[in-house]
Protein backbone atom coordinates (compact mmCIF):
# COMPACT_ATOMS: atom_id res chain seq x y z
CA MET A 1 78.79 104.88 60.40
CA ALA A 2 80.14 106.14 63.69
CA GLY A 3 82.75 108.81 63.54
CA PHE A 4 84.39 109.94 60.30
CA PHE A 5 85.38 106.89 58.21
CA GLY A 6 85.75 104.98 61.44
CA LEU A 7 87.83 107.70 63.08
CA PHE A 8 86.85 109.58 66.23
CA ASN A 9 84.49 106.78 67.24
CA TYR A 10 84.81 106.92 71.03
CA SER A 11 82.18 104.22 71.58
CA LYS A 12 84.50 101.62 70.05
CA GLU A 13 86.60 99.63 72.47
CA GLY A 14 90.31 100.35 72.32
CA PRO A 15 93.19 97.90 72.62
CA GLY A 16 93.36 98.48 76.38
CA VAL A 17 96.44 98.16 78.53
CA SER A 18 98.34 94.93 78.55
CA LYS A 19 98.51 93.18 81.92
CA HIS A 20 102.20 92.52 81.35
CA GLN A 21 103.03 96.01 80.14
CA PRO A 22 106.25 97.21 81.83
CA LYS A 23 105.79 99.72 84.60
CA LYS A 24 107.02 103.20 83.91
CA LYS A 25 110.01 104.50 85.79
CA ARG A 26 108.91 106.43 88.86
CA PHE A 27 110.54 109.67 87.69
CA PHE A 28 108.61 109.77 84.41
CA TYR A 29 105.41 108.46 85.98
CA PHE A 30 105.57 111.31 88.51
CA TRP A 31 105.40 113.93 85.77
CA GLU A 32 102.59 112.12 83.98
CA LEU A 33 100.61 111.97 87.21
CA TYR A 34 101.49 115.54 88.17
CA PHE A 35 100.24 117.10 84.94
CA ARG A 36 97.17 114.88 84.95
CA LYS A 37 96.27 116.17 88.42
CA PHE A 38 97.53 119.72 87.82
CA TRP A 39 94.21 121.58 88.06
CA LYS A 40 93.15 119.60 91.10
CA LEU A 41 96.48 120.49 92.71
CA ILE A 42 95.75 124.18 92.12
CA THR A 43 92.29 123.83 93.68
CA LEU A 44 93.74 121.94 96.64
CA ASN A 45 96.47 124.56 97.10
CA LEU A 46 93.89 127.37 97.21
CA LEU A 47 91.73 125.46 99.68
CA TYR A 48 94.69 124.68 101.94
CA PHE A 49 95.90 128.28 101.86
CA ALA A 50 92.42 129.55 102.73
CA MET A 51 92.08 127.15 105.67
CA CYS A 52 95.54 128.10 107.00
CA ILE A 53 94.65 131.79 107.35
CA PRO A 54 93.23 131.23 110.85
CA ILE A 55 96.55 130.19 112.39
CA VAL A 56 95.06 127.65 114.80
CA THR A 57 93.78 125.52 111.91
CA ILE A 58 97.16 125.04 110.19
CA GLY A 59 97.70 121.61 111.74
CA ALA A 60 94.24 120.32 110.84
CA ALA A 61 94.42 121.84 107.36
CA THR A 62 97.76 120.10 106.80
CA ALA A 63 96.10 116.78 107.69
CA GLY A 64 93.34 117.34 105.13
CA PHE A 65 95.90 118.55 102.59
CA THR A 66 98.06 115.45 103.11
CA PHE A 67 95.06 113.11 102.99
CA VAL A 68 94.11 114.35 99.52
CA LEU A 69 97.71 114.35 98.27
CA ARG A 70 98.17 110.78 99.48
CA LYS A 71 95.16 109.70 97.45
CA MET A 72 96.37 111.57 94.38
CA SER A 73 99.90 110.19 94.53
CA ASN A 74 98.58 106.65 95.01
CA GLU A 75 95.95 107.09 92.27
CA GLU A 76 93.01 106.52 94.58
CA PRO A 77 89.60 108.09 93.79
CA VAL A 78 89.56 111.68 95.04
CA PHE A 79 86.59 113.88 95.97
CA LEU A 80 88.67 116.92 96.70
CA ALA A 81 86.57 119.06 99.04
CA SER A 82 84.92 116.21 100.95
CA ASP A 83 88.21 114.30 101.32
CA PHE A 84 90.00 117.44 102.49
CA PHE A 85 87.48 118.12 105.23
CA GLU A 86 87.34 114.44 106.17
CA GLY A 87 91.08 114.47 106.82
CA PHE A 88 90.70 117.84 108.56
CA ARG A 89 87.94 116.61 110.88
CA LYS A 90 89.34 113.18 111.76
CA ASN A 91 92.96 114.14 112.41
CA TRP A 92 92.90 117.68 113.77
CA LYS A 93 94.01 116.73 117.31
CA GLN A 94 97.26 114.98 116.42
CA SER A 95 98.04 117.43 113.62
CA THR A 96 97.56 120.41 115.93
CA VAL A 97 99.92 118.86 118.50
CA ILE A 98 102.51 118.38 115.75
CA PHE A 99 102.07 122.02 114.70
CA VAL A 100 102.77 123.20 118.26
CA LEU A 101 105.79 120.87 118.43
CA ASP A 102 107.02 122.31 115.13
CA ILE A 103 106.84 125.86 116.50
CA LEU A 104 108.94 124.86 119.50
CA LEU A 105 111.57 122.78 117.71
CA PHE A 106 111.94 124.97 114.63
CA PHE A 107 112.60 127.89 116.95
CA MET A 108 114.74 126.19 119.59
CA LEU A 109 117.02 124.14 117.33
CA PRO A 110 118.11 127.01 115.01
CA PHE A 111 118.58 129.24 118.05
CA ALA A 112 120.74 126.55 119.71
CA ILE A 113 122.81 126.16 116.52
CA TRP A 114 123.38 129.93 116.42
CA PHE A 115 124.25 130.04 120.13
CA TYR A 116 126.81 127.22 119.99
CA SER A 117 128.25 128.60 116.78
CA ALA A 118 128.84 131.94 118.53
CA GLN A 119 130.65 130.15 121.35
CA THR A 120 133.18 128.53 119.05
CA GLY A 121 135.01 131.72 118.16
CA GLY A 122 134.79 135.47 118.03
CA GLU A 123 136.73 138.22 119.73
CA SER A 124 136.13 136.79 123.20
CA GLY A 125 137.58 133.47 122.10
CA GLY A 126 135.84 130.17 122.34
CA SER A 127 136.25 126.47 122.56
CA TRP A 128 136.13 123.88 119.82
CA LEU A 129 134.08 121.71 122.21
CA PHE A 130 131.00 123.77 121.30
CA TYR A 131 131.18 122.24 117.81
CA ILE A 132 129.88 118.99 119.33
CA PRO A 133 126.51 120.28 120.62
CA MET A 134 126.21 122.45 117.48
CA ALA A 135 126.62 119.38 115.26
CA LEU A 136 124.10 117.46 117.38
CA CYS A 137 121.54 120.24 117.04
CA MET A 138 122.10 120.43 113.28
CA SER A 139 121.64 116.67 112.99
CA ALA A 140 118.47 116.79 115.10
CA LEU A 141 117.07 119.55 112.89
CA LEU A 142 117.81 117.61 109.69
CA ILE A 143 116.29 114.41 111.08
CA TYR A 144 113.16 116.21 112.23
CA VAL A 145 112.74 117.75 108.77
CA LEU A 146 113.04 114.30 107.14
CA MET A 147 110.59 112.86 109.66
CA HIS A 148 108.01 115.35 108.39
CA TYR A 149 107.92 113.47 105.11
CA TYR A 150 106.10 110.71 107.05
CA ILE A 151 104.48 112.25 110.14
CA HIS A 152 101.31 113.60 108.54
CA LEU A 153 101.07 110.64 106.14
CA LEU A 154 101.04 108.30 109.15
CA ILE A 155 98.51 110.49 110.95
CA VAL A 156 96.00 110.31 108.09
CA THR A 157 96.66 106.63 107.32
CA THR A 158 96.90 104.85 110.69
CA ASN A 159 95.38 104.78 114.16
CA LEU A 160 98.75 104.91 115.88
CA LYS A 161 99.34 107.05 118.95
CA LEU A 162 101.42 110.15 118.47
CA LYS A 163 104.54 108.77 120.16
CA HIS A 164 104.46 105.74 117.85
CA ILE A 165 103.92 107.99 114.83
CA LEU A 166 107.04 109.95 115.75
CA LYS A 167 109.03 106.76 116.35
CA ASN A 168 107.98 105.18 113.06
CA SER A 169 108.60 108.45 111.21
CA PHE A 170 112.15 108.37 112.53
CA LEU A 171 112.60 104.74 111.41
CA LEU A 172 111.17 105.44 107.96
CA ALA A 173 113.33 108.56 107.62
CA CYS A 174 116.38 106.35 108.21
CA ILE A 175 115.25 103.49 105.95
CA GLY A 176 114.42 105.77 103.04
CA LEU A 177 117.34 108.16 103.57
CA LYS A 178 118.42 108.17 99.93
CA THR A 179 114.91 108.89 98.69
CA ASN A 180 114.43 111.50 101.41
CA LEU A 181 117.54 113.35 100.29
CA ILE A 182 116.32 113.21 96.68
CA THR A 183 112.96 114.56 97.84
CA THR A 184 114.72 117.37 99.70
CA PHE A 185 116.74 118.20 96.58
CA PHE A 186 113.65 118.65 94.41
CA VAL A 187 111.79 120.55 97.14
CA VAL A 188 114.73 122.95 97.41
CA ILE A 189 114.69 123.41 93.62
CA VAL A 190 110.97 124.29 93.65
CA VAL A 191 111.43 126.73 96.54
CA ALA A 192 114.54 128.30 94.96
CA ILE A 193 112.78 128.81 91.60
CA THR A 194 109.83 130.38 93.40
CA LEU A 195 112.09 132.78 95.34
CA VAL A 196 113.97 133.81 92.19
CA LEU A 197 110.71 134.45 90.33
CA CYS A 198 109.36 136.47 93.23
CA PHE A 199 112.57 138.53 93.33
CA LEU A 200 112.49 139.23 89.59
CA PHE A 201 108.71 139.60 89.27
CA VAL A 202 106.89 140.47 92.49
CA PRO A 203 103.41 139.25 91.39
CA ALA A 204 104.95 135.76 91.11
CA ILE A 205 104.35 135.52 94.86
CA LEU A 206 100.82 134.46 93.87
CA LEU A 207 102.33 131.10 92.90
CA VAL A 208 102.59 130.26 96.61
CA PRO A 209 98.84 130.14 97.30
CA THR A 210 98.07 128.61 93.89
CA ILE A 211 100.52 125.81 93.07
CA VAL A 212 103.83 125.85 95.01
CA LEU A 213 102.54 124.31 98.26
CA SER A 214 100.68 121.48 96.56
CA THR A 215 103.65 120.80 94.26
CA VAL A 216 105.98 120.44 97.24
CA GLY A 217 103.41 118.28 99.07
CA PHE A 218 102.85 116.10 96.01
CA ILE A 219 106.59 115.47 95.65
CA VAL A 220 106.82 114.49 99.32
CA CYS A 221 103.78 112.18 99.30
CA TYR A 222 104.74 110.54 96.00
CA ASN A 223 108.22 109.65 97.24
CA SER A 224 107.41 108.86 100.87
CA TYR A 225 104.14 106.94 100.80
CA GLN A 226 105.78 103.93 99.13
CA TYR A 227 107.67 103.24 102.37
CA ILE A 228 104.53 103.47 104.48
CA LEU A 229 102.85 100.99 102.14
CA LYS A 230 105.78 98.60 102.29
CA TYR A 231 106.67 98.73 105.97
CA VAL A 232 103.42 99.69 107.71
CA ILE A 233 100.30 98.92 105.66
CA GLU A 234 101.20 95.80 103.67
CA PRO A 235 102.56 93.78 106.65
CA TYR A 236 99.32 94.45 108.53
CA TYR A 237 96.99 93.32 105.74
CA ARG A 238 99.09 90.32 104.79
CA ASP A 239 98.27 88.85 108.20
CA ILE A 240 94.54 89.04 107.43
CA PRO A 241 92.71 86.40 105.33
CA LEU A 242 92.38 87.55 101.75
CA ASP A 243 88.59 87.29 101.70
CA GLU A 244 88.33 89.64 104.69
CA ILE A 245 90.24 92.47 103.01
CA PRO A 246 88.05 95.07 101.25
CA ASP A 247 88.43 95.15 97.47
CA SER A 248 89.53 98.79 97.60
CA ILE A 249 92.47 97.79 99.82
CA LYS A 250 93.38 94.88 97.54
CA ARG A 251 93.55 97.22 94.57
CA THR A 252 95.65 99.72 96.48
CA LEU A 253 98.14 97.18 97.80
CA HIS A 254 97.99 94.77 94.84
CA ILE A 255 97.36 91.91 97.26
CA GLY A 256 96.36 88.62 95.69
CA GLU A 257 97.90 89.37 92.32
CA GLU A 258 100.14 86.63 90.97
CA GLU A 259 103.62 87.76 90.12
CA ASP A 260 105.33 86.32 87.07
CA GLU A 261 108.72 85.33 88.44
CA ASP A 262 110.02 84.36 85.00
CA GLU A 263 109.84 87.91 83.72
CA GLU A 264 112.69 90.24 84.36
CA ALA A 265 111.76 93.04 86.75
CA VAL A 266 111.69 96.42 85.04
CA PHE A 267 111.16 98.35 88.25
CA ARG A 268 112.38 97.59 91.73
CA ASP A 269 111.04 99.25 94.85
CA MET A 270 113.48 101.90 96.02
CA GLY A 271 113.16 100.60 99.55
CA GLN A 272 114.81 97.33 98.51
CA GLN A 273 117.69 99.16 96.89
CA GLU A 274 118.34 101.32 99.91
CA THR A 275 118.16 98.63 102.59
CA ALA A 276 121.09 96.29 103.05
CA PRO A 277 120.29 92.56 103.20
CA SER A 278 121.04 92.51 106.91
CA ALA A 279 118.66 95.39 107.44
CA GLN A 280 115.73 94.01 105.48
CA LYS A 281 113.81 93.31 108.66
CA GLN A 282 110.76 95.52 108.75
CA PRO A 283 110.65 98.09 111.53
CA GLU A 284 108.27 97.29 114.33
CA VAL A 285 105.15 99.41 114.19
CA LYS A 286 103.85 100.28 117.59
CA GLY A 287 100.11 100.18 118.04
CA LYS A 288 97.47 97.52 117.94
CA LYS A 289 95.64 98.32 114.74
CA ASN A 290 96.10 100.28 111.53
CA LYS A 291 93.30 102.23 110.00
CA THR A 292 92.04 100.95 106.64
CA ILE A 293 92.95 103.12 103.72
CA SER A 294 89.94 105.29 103.01
């Protein structure tokens, strides 16, 4: 008799998961997925931190980091080290250019905001007209931050040129604005908790190279990749005959699965909720061909 009176018999088939079982809400599913991948996230965080120590490799390391996080958040098979270095090797050029652009913009825009703010008042007097360029610079900084939720994901997922990656990141940042603001809220919470812990208990700074970076990245990829799937990847593969699409892509995109229209939907894509009916048209993706999801 296997097991103990039939218990603890792991060779026996279980009931399985019903095909029509309702999907879990994204908020609760995130935590289930996060804790399931927790130790891998720690390993990834350590690897990313180690590869960022030589400053010139930060861009390439971010590509490898994002490539692994994308797979984790989308529940694709992950071979952590090999996938990290695959993303590192294949995307280092574009990621390095983005890193240089980040240095320029994240220095120039805050400096411009400070400069225009100083011109609006003070002892020497000022003009309210300087509020206009200050507001424009603040808006540009916010938009560029939100675009980063998609830039590296597009780099590791598509074969688009850099100018098209930036353009599509801007479009996706606008389409998923509500989700992007929610993402920003949770990222700020994680960063704030980390800063408070570090202030109260200095050794807590070790959380940064162990779990904080991968937690922030996982939140971003989990919330943002759904829009890339919907507006970039799925439209491309739906124009290709079903028998020519690799099985791994079909599983990822759920192409070819019959939807039961009689059942009430228990989960609706956030992109549909945030896009008005008149704005449902998918943004044009510049570039001739998307890379298959690897």
